[in-house]
Amino acid sequence: MKRNGILLATIATFVMALALGAKAQNATKVDGSWDLSMQGGNGNFTQTLMIQQDGDMLKGTVKGRRGDSPMTGKLDGNKIKFTVTRQTPNGERTIEYTGTVDGDTMKGTVAMGENQREWTAKRSQAGSTPNQ
């Protein structure tokens, strides 16, 4: 009886290790360059989002018409959340992005103070890291 318990525990551990390994292989990959678009006060505009991914942690830069701004964020499965901090003439401004990743596209909502807008992003063809 004790031998059966040990065998079952060993099998359960092996199955869990396989499941975790499969999850790691299928983890969402967002490392690289993205074309980030949204509607602004003067129409649609696009910025370049450069992401460096370390597991589920993200950091990088948003390059736009007002210069470069740092970003930090996190992935949870295919859900992405990141914050961009911009220096403005009126002081520091924090912009919060939430959304989902689907292969080489992302979409979601951006909150700028009390204002919210929709955003989309496509993996850049030039200088991108292919989705694996």
Protein backbone atom coordinates (compact mmCIF):
# COMPACT_ATOMS: atom_id res chain seq x y z
CA MET A 1 0.00 0.00 0.00
CA LYS A 2 2.80 2.39 0.90
CA ARG A 3 4.56 1.56 -2.38
CA ASN A 4 1.37 2.51 -4.34
CA GLY A 5 1.26 5.87 -2.59
CA ILE A 6 4.88 6.60 -3.47
CA LEU A 7 4.26 5.55 -7.07
CA LEU A 8 1.19 7.79 -7.34
CA ALA A 9 3.08 10.74 -5.85
CA THR A 10 5.93 10.22 -8.31
CA ILE A 11 3.55 10.04 -11.27
CA ALA A 12 1.69 13.18 -10.09
CA THR A 13 4.97 15.07 -9.77
CA PHE A 14 6.03 13.99 -13.25
CA VAL A 15 2.70 15.06 -14.79
CA MET A 16 2.89 18.46 -13.07
CA ALA A 17 6.45 18.98 -14.34
CA LEU A 18 5.31 18.18 -17.89
CA ALA A 19 2.38 20.58 -17.60
CA LEU A 20 4.59 23.41 -16.31
CA GLY A 21 7.11 22.78 -19.09
CA ALA A 22 4.36 22.93 -21.72
CA LYS A 23 3.03 26.18 -20.23
CA ALA A 24 6.51 27.73 -20.33
CA GLN A 25 6.94 26.72 -23.98
CA ASN A 26 3.56 28.24 -24.90
CA ALA A 27 4.10 31.44 -22.90
CA THR A 28 3.07 34.65 -24.62
CA LYS A 29 6.02 36.34 -26.33
CA VAL A 30 5.94 40.14 -26.71
CA ASP A 31 9.68 40.87 -26.85
CA GLY A 32 10.55 43.23 -29.71
CA SER A 33 9.18 46.21 -31.58
CA TRP A 34 5.46 47.03 -31.94
CA ASP A 35 3.53 49.72 -33.84
CA LEU A 36 1.13 51.10 -31.20
CA SER A 37 -1.88 53.08 -32.54
CA MET A 38 -4.70 54.99 -30.90
CA GLN A 39 -7.07 57.86 -31.54
CA GLY A 40 -5.85 61.20 -30.22
CA GLY A 41 -7.32 64.68 -30.04
CA ASN A 42 -5.97 65.42 -33.53
CA GLY A 43 -6.78 62.04 -35.09
CA ASN A 44 -5.12 58.64 -35.16
CA PHE A 45 -1.41 58.43 -34.30
CA THR A 46 1.17 55.66 -34.09
CA GLN A 47 4.11 55.24 -31.71
CA THR A 48 6.82 52.60 -31.49
CA LEU A 49 6.67 50.34 -28.44
CA MET A 50 9.97 48.57 -27.73
CA ILE A 51 9.53 45.71 -25.25
CA GLN A 52 12.16 43.69 -23.41
CA GLN A 53 10.59 40.60 -21.84
CA ASP A 54 11.97 38.64 -18.90
CA GLY A 55 9.44 35.90 -18.16
CA ASP A 56 6.24 37.75 -17.34
CA MET A 57 7.97 41.06 -16.53
CA LEU A 58 8.21 43.78 -19.17
CA LYS A 59 10.25 46.94 -19.58
CA GLY A 60 11.02 49.13 -22.51
CA THR A 61 10.40 52.42 -24.26
CA VAL A 62 7.57 54.15 -26.11
CA LYS A 63 8.94 56.32 -28.92
CA GLY A 64 6.53 58.94 -30.18
CA ARG A 65 6.14 62.47 -31.42
CA ARG A 66 6.95 63.80 -27.93
CA GLY A 67 10.13 61.78 -27.52
CA ASP A 68 10.95 58.58 -25.66
CA SER A 69 9.24 57.48 -22.44
CA PRO A 70 9.96 54.47 -20.23
CA MET A 71 7.45 51.66 -19.83
CA THR A 72 7.14 48.83 -17.32
CA GLY A 73 4.58 46.09 -17.21
CA LYS A 74 3.56 42.50 -16.75
CA LEU A 75 1.99 39.60 -18.63
CA ASP A 76 -0.54 37.20 -17.17
CA GLY A 77 -1.18 34.55 -19.79
CA ASN A 78 -2.30 36.55 -22.82
CA LYS A 79 -3.28 39.57 -20.72
CA ILE A 80 -0.89 42.52 -20.80
CA LYS A 81 -0.71 45.53 -18.51
CA PHE A 82 1.90 48.26 -18.74
CA THR A 83 2.48 51.81 -17.60
CA VAL A 84 4.19 54.60 -19.52
CA THR A 85 5.57 57.59 -17.62
CA ARG A 86 5.84 60.83 -19.60
CA GLN A 87 7.43 64.11 -18.61
CA THR A 88 5.18 67.01 -19.67
CA PRO A 89 5.34 70.79 -19.16
CA ASN A 90 2.74 70.20 -16.40
CA GLY A 91 4.81 67.53 -14.65
CA GLU A 92 4.95 63.75 -14.78
CA ARG A 93 2.02 61.92 -16.40
CA THR A 94 1.30 58.21 -15.96
CA ILE A 95 -0.56 56.37 -18.73
CA GLU A 96 -1.93 52.87 -18.01
CA TYR A 97 -2.48 50.32 -20.79
CA THR A 98 -4.40 47.06 -20.36
CA GLY A 99 -5.23 44.56 -23.06
CA THR A 100 -4.77 41.14 -24.61
CA VAL A 101 -2.12 39.64 -26.86
CA ASP A 102 -3.07 37.45 -29.81
CA GLY A 103 0.05 36.37 -31.69
CA ASP A 104 1.42 39.43 -33.48
CA THR A 105 -1.39 41.77 -32.41
CA MET A 106 -2.49 43.40 -29.18
CA LYS A 107 -5.52 45.50 -28.30
CA GLY A 108 -6.99 47.07 -25.23
CA THR A 109 -7.81 50.23 -23.33
CA VAL A 110 -5.52 53.06 -22.30
CA ALA A 111 -6.34 55.26 -19.30
CA MET A 112 -4.99 58.81 -19.22
CA GLY A 113 -6.34 60.30 -16.04
CA GLU A 114 -10.12 60.11 -16.34
CA ASN A 115 -10.02 59.67 -20.13
CA GLN A 116 -10.00 56.22 -21.74
CA ARG A 117 -9.32 55.23 -25.32
CA GLU A 118 -8.91 52.04 -27.30
CA TRP A 119 -5.45 51.06 -28.55
CA THR A 120 -4.07 48.44 -30.93
CA ALA A 121 -0.57 47.24 -31.67
CA LYS A 122 0.98 45.12 -34.39
CA ARG A 123 4.40 43.56 -34.24
CA SER A 124 6.76 45.68 -36.38
CA GLN A 125 8.16 44.01 -39.45
CA ALA A 126 11.50 45.83 -39.19
CA GLY A 127 13.60 44.95 -36.15
CA SER A 128 11.03 42.65 -34.57
CA THR A 129 11.45 39.42 -32.71
CA PRO A 130 9.26 36.77 -34.37
CA ASN A 131 6.47 35.25 -32.31
CA GLN A 132 7.45 31.73 -31.34
